[in-house]
Protein backbone atom coordinates (compact mmCIF):
# COMPACT_ATOMS: atom_id res chain seq x y z
CA MET A 1 0.00 0.00 0.00
CA ALA A 2 1.26 3.49 -0.87
CA SER A 3 2.72 5.13 2.23
CA VAL A 4 3.56 8.70 1.13
CA LEU A 5 0.87 11.35 1.50
CA ASN A 6 0.90 14.12 -1.14
CA VAL A 7 -1.10 17.31 -0.63
CA SER A 8 -1.75 20.30 -2.83
CA ALA A 9 -3.54 23.48 -1.77
CA TYR A 10 -3.83 27.17 -2.43
CA LEU A 11 -5.51 30.01 -0.59
CA PHE A 12 -5.85 33.66 -1.46
CA THR A 13 -5.38 35.45 1.83
CA ARG A 14 -3.60 38.61 2.88
CA ILE A 15 0.00 38.02 4.01
CA ASP A 16 1.73 41.23 5.07
CA ASP A 17 5.00 39.52 5.97
CA PRO A 18 5.62 36.74 3.38
CA ALA A 19 9.39 36.77 4.01
CA VAL A 20 8.85 36.10 7.72
CA VAL A 21 6.29 33.39 6.95
CA ARG A 22 8.76 31.83 4.51
CA GLU A 23 11.37 31.34 7.22
CA THR A 24 8.81 29.86 9.62
CA LEU A 25 7.35 27.42 7.11
CA ARG A 26 10.74 26.41 5.73
CA ASP A 27 12.03 25.54 9.19
CA ARG A 28 8.82 23.76 10.16
CA ALA A 29 8.52 21.71 6.94
CA GLY A 30 12.24 20.92 6.94
CA ALA A 31 12.12 19.66 10.51
CA ALA A 32 9.18 17.43 9.55
CA GLY A 33 11.13 15.91 6.66
CA LEU A 34 8.70 17.21 4.03
CA ARG A 35 9.62 17.81 0.39
CA GLY A 36 7.94 19.86 -2.29
CA THR A 37 7.26 23.52 -3.04
CA ILE A 38 5.61 26.31 -1.06
CA LEU A 39 4.99 29.61 -2.85
CA LEU A 40 4.16 32.69 -0.80
CA ALA A 41 3.10 36.17 -1.87
CA GLU A 42 1.19 39.03 -0.34
CA GLU A 43 -1.88 37.58 -2.04
CA GLY A 44 -1.66 34.10 -0.51
CA ILE A 45 -0.09 30.64 -0.50
CA ASN A 46 0.24 27.79 -3.02
CA LEU A 47 1.83 24.48 -2.03
CA PHE A 48 2.63 20.92 -3.09
CA LEU A 49 4.11 18.79 -0.29
CA ALA A 50 4.83 15.12 0.33
CA GLY A 51 6.00 13.06 3.29
CA SER A 52 4.76 10.68 5.95
CA PRO A 53 1.02 11.01 6.66
CA GLU A 54 1.65 12.04 10.24
CA ALA A 55 4.16 14.73 9.30
CA VAL A 56 2.06 16.16 6.46
CA ARG A 57 -1.13 16.31 8.52
CA ALA A 58 0.64 17.87 11.49
CA PHE A 59 2.15 20.54 9.23
CA VAL A 60 -1.23 21.36 7.66
CA ASP A 61 -2.95 21.45 11.04
CA GLN A 62 -0.33 23.82 12.40
CA LEU A 63 -0.64 25.98 9.29
CA ARG A 64 -4.41 26.22 9.75
CA ALA A 65 -3.89 27.33 13.34
CA ASP A 66 -2.79 30.66 11.85
CA GLU A 67 -6.06 32.50 11.19
CA ARG A 68 -4.77 33.62 7.79
CA PHE A 69 -4.65 30.00 6.66
CA ALA A 70 -7.62 28.61 8.59
CA ALA A 71 -9.67 28.13 5.40
CA LEU A 72 -6.94 26.17 3.59
CA GLU A 73 -8.34 23.00 2.01
CA THR A 74 -6.05 20.28 0.66
CA LYS A 75 -6.33 17.74 -2.11
CA ASP A 76 -4.73 14.45 -1.09
CA SER A 77 -3.23 11.52 -3.00
CA TRP A 78 -0.83 8.70 -2.25
CA SER A 79 2.37 7.36 -3.76
CA ASP A 80 4.99 4.73 -2.95
CA THR A 81 7.85 7.22 -2.92
CA VAL A 82 8.30 10.95 -2.35
CA PRO A 83 8.00 12.60 -5.80
CA PHE A 84 10.06 15.69 -4.95
CA GLY A 85 13.83 15.91 -4.74
CA ARG A 86 13.96 18.69 -2.13
CA LEU A 87 12.02 21.29 -0.18
CA LEU A 88 11.66 24.70 -1.83
CA VAL A 89 9.98 27.67 -0.11
CA LYS A 90 9.86 30.86 -2.20
CA VAL A 91 8.46 34.37 -1.91
CA LYS A 92 6.97 35.46 -5.24
CA ARG A 93 5.14 38.53 -6.48
CA GLU A 94 2.10 36.34 -7.22
CA ILE A 95 1.27 32.72 -6.48
CA ILE A 96 0.09 32.48 -10.08
CA ARG A 97 1.37 35.00 -12.57
CA MET A 98 -0.91 37.58 -14.15
CA ASP A 99 1.22 40.76 -13.98
CA ARG A 100 -1.81 42.84 -12.95
CA PRO A 101 -1.34 44.26 -9.43
CA GLU A 102 -4.86 45.76 -9.47
CA VAL A 103 -6.31 42.22 -9.44
CA ARG A 104 -6.33 41.29 -5.75
CA PRO A 105 -8.13 37.97 -5.14
CA GLN A 106 -7.08 38.08 -1.48
CA ASP A 107 -9.48 41.00 -0.96
CA GLY A 108 -12.55 38.98 -1.88
CA ARG A 109 -14.19 36.98 -4.63
CA ALA A 110 -17.11 37.20 -6.98
CA PRO A 111 -20.36 35.54 -5.86
CA ALA A 112 -21.19 32.04 -7.05
CA VAL A 113 -24.40 30.76 -8.61
CA SER A 114 -25.87 27.30 -8.15
CA PRO A 115 -26.62 25.14 -11.20
CA GLU A 116 -30.35 25.38 -10.49
CA THR A 117 -30.29 29.18 -10.41
CA LEU A 118 -28.15 29.37 -13.54
CA ARG A 119 -30.61 27.08 -15.34
CA ARG A 120 -33.44 29.45 -14.45
CA TRP A 121 -31.50 32.53 -15.52
CA LEU A 122 -30.48 31.06 -18.86
CA ASP A 123 -34.01 29.86 -19.63
CA ARG A 124 -35.30 33.36 -18.88
CA GLY A 125 -32.37 35.28 -20.37
CA SER A 126 -31.86 37.48 -17.30
CA ASP A 127 -30.98 37.26 -13.63
CA ASP A 128 -33.37 37.87 -10.74
CA ASP A 129 -32.84 41.65 -11.04
CA GLY A 130 -33.63 41.67 -14.76
CA ARG A 131 -30.04 42.13 -15.97
CA GLU A 132 -29.01 40.29 -19.10
CA VAL A 133 -26.91 37.20 -18.32
CA VAL A 134 -23.76 36.57 -20.36
CA LEU A 135 -21.75 33.34 -20.19
CA VAL A 136 -17.98 33.85 -20.54
CA ASP A 137 -15.66 30.88 -21.05
CA THR A 138 -12.44 32.10 -19.43
CA ARG A 139 -10.29 29.14 -20.43
CA ASN A 140 -7.49 29.16 -22.97
CA ALA A 141 -8.56 28.69 -26.58
CA PHE A 142 -6.98 25.24 -26.78
CA GLU A 143 -9.21 24.05 -23.93
CA VAL A 144 -12.31 25.73 -25.39
CA ASP A 145 -11.82 23.81 -28.62
CA TYR A 146 -12.58 20.61 -26.74
CA GLY A 147 -16.07 21.87 -25.95
CA THR A 148 -17.97 24.75 -24.38
CA PHE A 149 -21.53 25.93 -23.73
CA ALA A 150 -23.72 27.20 -26.57
CA GLY A 151 -23.66 30.97 -26.69
CA ALA A 152 -20.70 31.37 -24.35
CA LYS A 153 -18.26 34.18 -25.09
CA ASP A 154 -14.86 32.84 -26.14
CA TRP A 155 -12.09 35.43 -26.33
CA ARG A 156 -9.52 33.03 -27.87
CA ILE A 157 -6.80 33.74 -25.35
CA GLU A 158 -3.71 31.58 -25.70
CA ARG A 159 -2.36 31.97 -22.17
CA PHE A 160 -3.57 33.07 -18.79
CA THR A 161 -1.75 36.43 -18.74
CA GLN A 162 -3.73 37.59 -21.81
CA PHE A 163 -7.05 37.50 -19.96
CA PRO A 164 -6.95 41.06 -18.51
CA ASP A 165 -6.36 42.60 -21.95
CA ALA A 166 -9.19 40.52 -23.38
CA ALA A 167 -11.45 41.68 -20.57
CA ASP A 168 -10.49 45.32 -21.24
CA SER A 169 -11.39 44.99 -24.91
CA HIS A 170 -14.93 43.82 -23.96
CA ARG A 171 -15.51 46.22 -21.07
CA ASP A 172 -18.18 48.32 -22.82
CA GLU A 173 -19.88 45.31 -24.39
CA LEU A 174 -20.56 43.71 -20.99
CA ALA A 175 -21.18 46.81 -18.90
CA GLY A 176 -24.36 46.56 -16.83
CA LYS A 177 -24.75 42.83 -17.49
CA THR A 178 -24.34 39.85 -15.16
CA VAL A 179 -21.28 37.93 -16.29
CA VAL A 180 -21.30 34.22 -15.41
CA SER A 181 -17.78 32.92 -15.94
CA PHE A 182 -16.65 29.33 -15.97
CA CYS A 183 -13.22 27.76 -15.97
CA THR A 184 -11.41 24.61 -14.89
CA GLY A 185 -11.28 25.90 -11.32
CA GLY A 186 -8.31 26.65 -9.12
CA SER A 187 -6.34 29.82 -8.52
CA ALA A 188 -6.45 30.88 -12.18
CA ALA A 189 -10.25 30.86 -12.08
CA ARG A 190 -10.23 33.10 -9.00
CA ARG A 191 -7.95 35.59 -10.74
CA ARG A 192 -10.13 35.71 -13.82
CA ARG A 193 -13.26 36.38 -11.78
CA CYS A 194 -11.49 39.16 -9.87
CA THR A 195 -10.36 40.64 -13.18
CA CYS A 196 -13.99 40.81 -14.27
CA ALA A 197 -14.88 42.62 -11.05
CA THR A 198 -12.22 45.28 -11.66
CA ARG A 199 -13.83 45.99 -15.05
CA GLY A 200 -17.06 47.16 -13.43
CA TRP A 201 -19.15 44.10 -14.33
CA THR A 202 -21.28 41.93 -12.06
CA PRO A 203 -19.15 38.76 -12.21
CA ILE A 204 -20.53 35.44 -10.97
CA SER A 205 -18.78 32.08 -10.97
CA SER A 206 -20.59 29.04 -12.29
CA THR A 207 -18.23 26.68 -10.47
CA GLY A 208 -19.10 27.77 -6.97
CA ALA A 209 -15.46 27.46 -5.94
CA SER A 210 -14.65 28.24 -2.36
CA SER A 211 -12.07 30.74 -1.17
CA GLY A 212 -9.52 27.99 -1.19
CA GLY A 213 -9.07 25.26 -3.77
CA SER A 214 -12.12 23.01 -3.34
CA PRO A 215 -15.65 23.53 -4.72
CA PRO A 216 -18.81 22.86 -2.72
CA LYS A 217 -20.48 19.53 -3.33
CA GLU A 218 -23.30 20.91 -5.49
CA VAL A 219 -20.99 21.52 -8.48
CA ARG A 220 -17.86 19.66 -9.56
CA THR A 221 -15.08 21.83 -10.87
CA GLY A 222 -14.17 20.83 -14.40
CA THR A 223 -14.28 21.90 -18.00
CA ALA A 224 -17.62 23.68 -18.47
CA SER A 225 -18.42 22.30 -15.06
CA ALA A 226 -22.09 23.18 -14.75
CA SER A 227 -23.10 21.41 -17.95
CA SER A 228 -24.76 18.42 -16.33
CA SER A 229 -26.96 20.52 -14.06
CA THR A 230 -28.02 23.52 -16.09
CA SER A 231 -29.69 24.35 -19.35
CA ALA A 232 -26.44 25.69 -20.75
CA ARG A 233 -26.67 23.56 -23.86
CA PRO A 234 -23.45 22.04 -25.19
CA SER A 235 -22.27 23.49 -28.47
CA THR A 236 -21.71 21.47 -31.61
CA ARG A 237 -18.04 21.21 -30.71
CA ARG A 238 -16.86 18.05 -29.05
CA SER A 239 -18.33 17.56 -25.60
CA PRO A 240 -16.19 18.79 -22.73
CA ARG A 241 -14.04 16.18 -21.10
CA ARG A 242 -15.07 15.12 -17.62
CA ALA A 243 -13.02 16.44 -14.76
CA ARG A 244 -10.34 14.01 -13.62
CA PRO A 245 -10.18 13.07 -9.94
CA SER A 246 -8.30 15.76 -8.05
CA LEU A 247 -4.66 14.77 -7.98
CA PRO A 248 -1.51 16.82 -7.50
CA ARG A 249 0.34 16.52 -10.79
CA ALA A 250 3.64 15.88 -9.07
CA CYS A 251 2.51 13.13 -6.75
CA LEU A 252 3.07 9.84 -8.50
CA GLY A 253 6.34 8.03 -8.20
CA ARG A 254 9.94 9.13 -8.63
CA ALA A 255 9.34 9.46 -12.36
CA THR A 256 8.12 12.99 -11.87
CA GLU A 257 11.54 13.99 -10.55
CA MET A 258 12.69 13.82 -14.18
CA LEU A 259 9.79 14.56 -16.49
CA TRP A 260 11.58 14.78 -19.84
CA ASP A 261 9.84 16.28 -22.88
CA GLN A 262 12.12 15.60 -25.83
CA HIS A 263 10.46 18.06 -28.23
CA ALA A 264 8.23 21.12 -27.86
CA CYS A 265 7.70 24.25 -29.96
CA VAL A 266 7.04 27.96 -29.56
CA GLU A 267 6.55 30.39 -32.41
CA LEU A 268 9.85 30.70 -34.23
CA VAL A 269 10.21 34.43 -33.78
CA ASP A 270 12.49 36.35 -31.43
CA THR A 271 9.52 37.67 -29.45
CA ALA A 272 8.06 34.23 -28.59
CA ASP A 273 7.12 33.89 -24.91
CA ILE A 274 9.49 31.28 -23.46
CA GLY A 275 7.76 31.69 -20.11
CA GLU A 276 5.15 29.25 -21.45
CA LEU A 277 7.59 26.46 -20.55
CA LEU A 278 6.73 27.05 -16.89
CA ARG A 279 3.52 25.14 -17.63
CA TYR A 280 5.56 21.94 -17.25
CA ARG A 281 6.32 22.63 -13.60
CA GLY A 282 3.08 21.01 -12.48
CA GLY A 283 4.88 17.72 -13.05
CA GLY A 284 7.83 18.56 -10.79
CA GLY A 285 11.34 19.15 -12.04
CA GLY A 286 12.39 18.12 -15.51
CA TYR A 287 13.72 18.95 -18.96
CA VAL A 288 12.31 20.34 -22.21
CA SER A 289 13.97 20.32 -25.62
CA LEU A 290 12.75 23.41 -27.47
CA ASN A 291 12.80 23.65 -31.25
CA VAL A 292 14.81 26.51 -32.81
CA GLY A 293 14.40 25.83 -36.52
CA PHE A 294 13.16 23.55 -39.30
CA ALA A 295 13.24 23.16 -43.08
CA PRO A 296 12.50 26.75 -44.23
CA HIS A 297 15.02 28.38 -41.89
CA PRO A 298 18.47 29.67 -42.84
CA PRO A 299 21.35 29.73 -40.32
CA ALA A 300 20.90 33.41 -39.48
CA LEU A 301 17.33 32.90 -38.27
CA THR A 302 18.24 30.00 -36.00
CA ALA A 303 21.17 32.00 -34.61
CA SER A 304 18.82 34.88 -33.83
CA LEU A 305 16.29 32.57 -32.16
CA LEU A 306 19.00 31.01 -30.02
CA ARG A 307 20.15 34.42 -28.81
CA SER A 308 16.63 35.46 -27.89
CA PHE A 309 15.49 32.15 -26.37
CA ARG A 310 18.67 31.68 -24.34
CA ALA A 311 18.40 35.20 -22.94
CA GLN A 312 14.78 34.63 -21.95
CA VAL A 313 15.49 31.29 -20.27
CA THR A 314 18.29 32.89 -18.29
CA ALA A 315 15.98 35.68 -17.12
CA ILE A 316 12.98 33.52 -16.11
CA ASP A 317 12.79 32.15 -12.58
CA GLY A 318 12.11 28.41 -12.78
CA LEU A 319 13.91 27.84 -16.10
CA GLU A 320 17.62 27.22 -16.62
CA LEU A 321 19.82 26.41 -19.61
CA ALA A 322 21.37 22.95 -19.46
CA ALA A 323 24.79 22.30 -20.97
CA THR A 324 25.29 18.89 -19.33
CA VAL A 325 23.24 16.06 -17.90
CA ALA A 326 24.53 17.09 -14.48
CA ASP A 327 22.89 20.50 -15.08
CA ILE A 328 19.59 18.78 -15.80
CA ASP A 329 19.83 16.66 -12.65
CA ARG A 330 20.57 19.73 -10.53
CA VAL A 331 17.77 21.85 -12.01
CA ALA A 332 15.20 19.05 -11.84
CA ALA A 333 16.11 18.23 -8.24
CA ARG A 334 14.99 21.66 -7.10
CA GLY A 335 11.71 21.39 -9.01
CA ASP A 336 12.63 23.61 -11.96
CA THR A 337 12.80 23.00 -15.72
CA ALA A 338 16.07 22.59 -17.61
CA VAL A 339 16.09 23.69 -21.26
CA ALA A 340 18.14 22.79 -24.33
CA PHE A 341 17.27 22.96 -28.03
CA ASP A 342 16.71 20.90 -31.17
CA LEU A 343 16.47 21.29 -34.94
CA GLU A 344 14.13 19.62 -37.44
CA ASP A 345 16.04 19.54 -40.72
CA CYS A 346 19.64 20.35 -41.60
CA ALA A 347 18.75 23.61 -43.42
CA PRO A 348 19.79 25.78 -40.41
CA LEU A 349 23.35 24.45 -40.90
CA GLY A 350 23.54 26.12 -44.32
CA GLY A 351 25.41 23.13 -45.71
CA ASP A 352 28.32 23.69 -43.32
CA LEU A 353 29.28 20.65 -41.23
CA ASP A 354 31.46 22.87 -39.04
CA ALA A 355 28.25 24.59 -37.88
CA VAL A 356 27.43 21.54 -35.75
CA GLU A 357 30.08 22.41 -33.17
CA GLY A 358 28.82 25.99 -32.80
CA LEU A 359 25.21 24.87 -32.46
CA VAL A 360 26.15 22.39 -29.72
CA ALA A 361 27.87 25.22 -27.87
CA GLN A 362 24.56 27.13 -28.02
CA GLY A 363 22.65 24.20 -26.57
CA VAL A 364 21.34 22.40 -29.68
CA ARG A 365 21.52 18.74 -28.69
CA THR A 366 19.25 16.95 -31.18
CA LEU A 367 18.91 17.24 -34.97
CA ALA A 368 16.70 15.45 -37.49
CA PRO A 369 18.46 15.61 -40.88
CA THR A 370 15.24 16.00 -42.91
CA TYR A 371 11.76 17.42 -42.31
CA ASN A 372 9.04 15.50 -44.20
CA HIS A 373 10.76 15.90 -47.59
CA ALA A 374 14.16 15.14 -49.12
CA ASN A 375 17.11 17.51 -48.87
CA ARG A 376 20.88 17.20 -49.24
CA ALA A 377 21.04 14.80 -46.27
CA GLY A 378 18.40 12.22 -47.22
CA GLY A 379 14.71 11.42 -47.69
CA GLY A 380 11.63 12.55 -45.74
CA CYS A 381 8.68 10.62 -44.36
CA LEU A 382 6.22 12.17 -46.85
CA ASP A 383 8.33 11.38 -49.93
CA ALA A 384 7.03 8.76 -52.36
CA VAL A 385 10.63 7.65 -52.95
CA ASP A 386 13.32 7.64 -50.28
CA ASP A 387 16.83 7.03 -51.63
CA GLY A 388 18.35 6.90 -48.16
CA LEU A 389 21.07 8.88 -46.43
CA THR A 390 23.35 10.75 -48.84
CA GLY A 391 27.12 10.94 -48.61
CA TRP A 392 26.84 14.40 -47.09
CA GLY A 393 24.22 13.05 -44.70
CA ARG A 394 26.63 10.34 -43.54
CA ASP A 395 29.28 12.98 -42.93
CA LEU A 396 26.72 14.96 -40.96
CA VAL A 397 25.96 12.00 -38.70
CA ALA A 398 29.66 11.47 -38.09
CA GLU A 399 30.09 15.12 -37.13
CA MET A 400 27.10 14.95 -34.80
CA ASN A 401 28.50 11.84 -33.12
CA ALA A 402 31.83 13.59 -32.61
CA ARG A 403 30.41 16.85 -31.24
CA GLY A 404 27.74 15.51 -28.90
CA MET A 405 24.55 16.04 -30.91
CA VAL A 406 21.97 13.22 -31.02
CA PRO A 407 20.71 12.06 -34.47
CA ASP A 408 16.90 12.09 -34.69
CA GLY A 409 14.72 10.08 -37.08
CA SER A 410 11.42 11.97 -36.61
CA HIS A 411 10.04 13.39 -39.89
CA VAL A 412 12.74 11.35 -41.71
CA GLY A 413 12.03 8.76 -44.43
CA ALA A 414 12.09 5.08 -43.47
CA ARG A 415 15.11 4.08 -45.56
CA THR A 416 16.99 7.15 -44.39
CA THR A 417 16.28 6.24 -40.75
CA PHE A 418 17.65 2.74 -41.29
CA ASP A 419 20.81 4.26 -42.79
CA LEU A 420 20.96 6.74 -39.91
CA CYS A 421 20.98 3.86 -37.44
CA ALA A 422 23.50 1.88 -39.46
CA VAL A 423 26.12 4.63 -39.67
CA SER A 424 25.73 6.27 -36.26
CA THR A 425 28.23 5.19 -33.61
CA ARG A 426 26.08 6.63 -30.83
CA PRO A 427 22.38 6.24 -29.94
CA VAL A 428 19.77 7.45 -32.43
CA VAL A 429 16.31 8.58 -31.28
CA PHE A 430 12.87 9.19 -32.65
CA SER A 431 12.30 12.30 -30.55
CA HIS A 432 8.58 12.57 -31.35
CA SER A 433 7.13 9.70 -33.40
CA ASN A 434 4.26 7.28 -32.75
CA MET A 435 3.66 3.67 -33.74
CA ARG A 436 2.20 2.96 -37.17
CA ALA A 437 0.94 -0.43 -36.02
CA VAL A 438 -1.40 1.40 -33.62
CA TRP A 439 -2.41 4.26 -35.95
CA GLU A 440 -1.64 4.48 -39.64
CA HIS A 441 -0.07 7.84 -40.48
CA PRO A 442 2.96 8.62 -42.67
CA ARG A 443 4.59 10.49 -39.77
CA ASN A 444 4.42 7.39 -37.59
CA ILE A 445 7.10 4.69 -37.64
CA THR A 446 7.05 0.97 -38.26
CA ASP A 447 8.02 -1.64 -35.69
CA ASP A 448 11.18 -2.31 -37.71
CA GLN A 449 12.19 1.35 -37.51
CA ALA A 450 11.66 1.29 -33.76
CA ARG A 451 13.82 -1.85 -33.46
CA ALA A 452 16.58 -0.23 -35.52
CA VAL A 453 16.75 2.73 -33.13
CA ALA A 454 16.67 0.42 -30.11
CA ASP A 455 19.61 -1.53 -31.57
CA THR A 456 21.67 1.67 -31.38
CA GLY A 457 20.77 2.09 -27.71
CA GLY A 458 18.30 4.84 -28.61
CA VAL A 459 14.75 5.72 -27.60
CA VAL A 460 11.38 6.09 -29.34
CA GLY A 461 9.61 9.21 -28.03
CA ILE A 462 5.83 8.78 -28.16
CA THR A 463 4.23 12.14 -28.85
CA GLY A 464 0.97 13.84 -27.86
CA VAL A 465 -0.16 15.16 -31.26
CA GLY A 466 -3.75 14.15 -31.96
CA ILE A 467 -3.39 13.18 -35.63
CA PHE A 468 -0.43 10.92 -34.84
CA LEU A 469 -2.17 9.22 -31.89
CA GLY A 470 -5.46 8.53 -33.68
CA PRO A 471 -8.22 10.50 -35.45
CA ASN A 472 -7.07 13.76 -33.83
CA THR A 473 -7.28 12.35 -30.29
CA PRO A 474 -4.61 13.93 -28.02
CA THR A 475 -5.69 11.95 -24.95
CA LEU A 476 -3.72 10.10 -22.31
CA GLU A 477 -5.59 6.92 -23.23
CA ALA A 478 -4.40 7.16 -26.85
CA MET A 479 -0.85 7.94 -25.76
CA VAL A 480 -0.78 4.94 -23.42
CA ARG A 481 -1.86 2.65 -26.28
CA HIS A 482 1.18 3.71 -28.31
CA LEU A 483 3.45 3.40 -25.27
CA ASP A 484 2.19 -0.10 -24.52
CA HIS A 485 2.87 -1.20 -28.10
CA ALA A 486 6.29 0.43 -28.24
CA VAL A 487 7.33 -1.30 -25.01
CA GLU A 488 6.11 -4.63 -26.38
CA VAL A 489 8.21 -4.12 -29.53
CA VAL A 490 11.50 -2.72 -28.16
CA GLY A 491 11.37 -3.08 -24.38
CA ILE A 492 10.96 -0.57 -21.59
CA ARG A 493 14.55 0.70 -21.89
CA HIS A 494 13.96 2.17 -25.34
CA VAL A 495 10.70 4.12 -24.94
CA GLY A 496 10.22 7.74 -23.88
CA VAL A 497 7.79 10.61 -24.36
CA SER A 498 7.48 14.08 -25.85
CA THR A 499 4.49 16.36 -26.28
CA ASP A 500 5.49 17.95 -29.60
CA PHE A 501 3.19 20.64 -28.19
CA SER A 502 3.02 23.87 -30.18
CA PHE A 503 2.57 26.80 -27.82
CA ASP A 504 1.93 28.77 -31.03
CA TRP A 505 -0.72 26.30 -32.17
CA GLN A 506 -2.80 28.88 -34.03
CA THR A 507 0.22 30.02 -36.04
CA PHE A 508 1.24 26.46 -36.79
CA ARG A 509 -2.23 25.52 -37.96
CA ALA A 510 -1.99 28.38 -40.46
CA THR A 511 1.48 27.17 -41.50
CA ILE A 512 0.13 23.70 -42.23
CA THR A 513 -2.58 24.98 -44.55
CA GLY A 514 -0.40 27.70 -46.06
CA THR A 515 2.65 25.62 -47.01
CA PRO A 516 1.49 22.55 -48.97
CA GLU A 517 5.08 21.98 -50.05
CA LEU A 518 5.83 20.88 -46.46
CA TYR A 519 2.60 19.10 -45.45
CA ASP A 520 0.15 16.81 -47.22
CA GLU A 521 -3.51 16.04 -46.60
CA SER A 522 -2.63 13.61 -43.80
CA TYR A 523 -2.07 16.69 -41.62
CA THR A 524 -5.58 18.09 -42.21
CA ARG A 525 -7.73 15.01 -42.88
CA TRP A 526 -9.21 15.03 -39.36
CA GLY A 527 -9.73 18.77 -39.04
CA PRO A 528 -7.50 21.32 -37.31
CA MET A 529 -4.61 19.64 -35.54
CA GLN A 530 -5.01 19.10 -31.79
CA TRP A 531 -2.24 18.76 -29.21
CA MET A 532 -1.85 17.41 -25.70
CA PRO A 533 -1.02 20.44 -23.53
CA PRO A 534 1.57 20.28 -20.75
CA GLU A 535 -1.18 20.33 -18.12
CA THR A 536 -2.40 16.96 -19.45
CA PHE A 537 1.06 15.58 -20.19
CA VAL A 538 2.14 15.90 -16.56
CA ASP A 539 -0.65 13.47 -15.58
CA LEU A 540 0.80 10.69 -17.77
CA GLY A 541 2.51 8.97 -14.84
CA ALA A 542 -0.84 8.53 -13.10
CA ALA A 543 -2.38 7.08 -16.28
CA LEU A 544 0.43 4.56 -16.62
CA GLN A 545 0.25 3.51 -12.99
CA ALA A 546 -3.50 3.08 -13.33
CA ARG A 547 -2.76 0.48 -16.02
CA GLY A 548 -0.45 -1.41 -13.67
CA TRP A 549 2.92 0.00 -14.71
CA SER A 550 5.52 -0.19 -11.97
CA ASP A 551 7.15 2.94 -10.54
CA THR A 552 10.45 1.86 -12.10
CA ASP A 553 8.97 1.52 -15.59
CA VAL A 554 7.10 4.82 -15.32
CA ALA A 555 10.32 6.56 -14.26
CA ALA A 556 12.20 5.07 -17.22
CA VAL A 557 9.64 6.19 -19.81
CA LEU A 558 8.92 9.64 -18.37
CA GLY A 559 12.56 10.62 -18.22
CA GLY A 560 15.13 7.99 -17.38
CA ASN A 561 15.59 6.57 -20.87
CA PHE A 562 16.12 9.88 -22.69
CA ARG A 563 18.40 10.95 -19.84
CA ARG A 564 20.50 7.83 -20.44
CA VAL A 565 20.83 8.68 -24.14
CA ALA A 566 21.95 12.19 -23.27
CA ALA A 567 24.50 10.84 -20.78
CA GLU A 568 25.89 8.52 -23.46
CA SER A 569 25.86 11.11 -26.26
CA TRP A 570 26.39 14.68 -25.10
CA GLU A 571 30.08 14.52 -24.28
CA PRO A 572 32.17 15.36 -27.38
CA ARG A 573 34.71 12.85 -28.52
CA PRO A 574 38.42 13.78 -28.64
């Protein structure tokens, strides 16, 4: 039976002396042997902690003895081991970032409405005082695309910090109306409701969330959470997913100490917001490989992106550049995210093999020689004919092996991947490719391709892109099906994960339809591409354990296997 109690909680409450509270809580939690993270700000507290049940409960009870934290409610789960590497207690400007000091959830909250009352209002079209009722879906656009309520306002925000500007742009439109907002719950939902209040509206929450982190029993917090109890009719979009059981995302097994995403993307412009990578921190410490270029990009553009992205990572608390595997271990142990970079296609080298050494020095650790279509290195996965790795491509692999850059077969043609594995003297990976035996798609790989990579000591990274998992189904269930098959084919040691999540998903959707020379109809056959966001990805360990995977196997797939490849490959050869 699992013996480690994990708790998560937040509470918006006024803290005039967060630095003093930090010292007290750090000493108290440290003496109790607890690990995890406690964030403090003048607006409140946010925590994830794990330890023995007696120690955790005693800490929470003592915390509640302080009248400022008396209303704190925890969400509990259990694990066999402590999922955090250390205890971290920090004072922050906000316990969840919005960059709007006028939004003060600690000073109060918007009223809540029961499902029964909301049903009556929506049927009538006005509240009990005769004001028009407007439903506002305050979630990010990616979440809204999974389903919302008919008639709900959707402002197409891409990240939480954009909500205040969106609210400002609709201030006049909603003036004098009763705004019923809904969200997935939690501290972000509280901030959004308080933002509405500062705009002069009458904001009401449909979730009925309490001042802490738990809703009353009449409504379950979840995507479009009042749908089962009100007349808010579902739209023609896909139905909202049911809320998962409450579970701290960093609570399951030691695997979450090294949650390794081998490939993710932001918009490939200097002004891209690298702070989005903080969305991985719900899974504990880990590593993300961020793309800095693909087929259309010349060397100068990738060089510019590296300068911008590296500077941003250095400036953002919670992110750190990783030059070595030891860097990754150190960053992950304190609950932060280590970052390095990758390339899809050899075009950013400009035909210069000597460029490999300079790119490694800037943190580029993985490179796929082709992107969907043939180039001077070899064939792509969408080519009708793949002639294999060229002579220049073989020289490229040799240079990568020598300099500490991992060869990648994702987006590469089948024959070229076999050649890649044959000539490489170090492990080869599929950083983000799924299994064709589970779902037929030209971007997915055959069992033989997976075996060829495993024979090099490499890893197949199962990805969270909907069209590669199934008919545009970026679900944990679909991802687990591919993982199960990959493990059956090549063994647990040679399977890993990556989201391939595009934080610029709207831009990338436009790229897919606007550049037919790069993408074929297999990218659009099932409608606009869907991705698994980091907030879902960090729950993968729980999904695997629910299917009976051992803690050791979960740890290997969520991070250990790709870490091993990096340890075997990143050091340059003399």
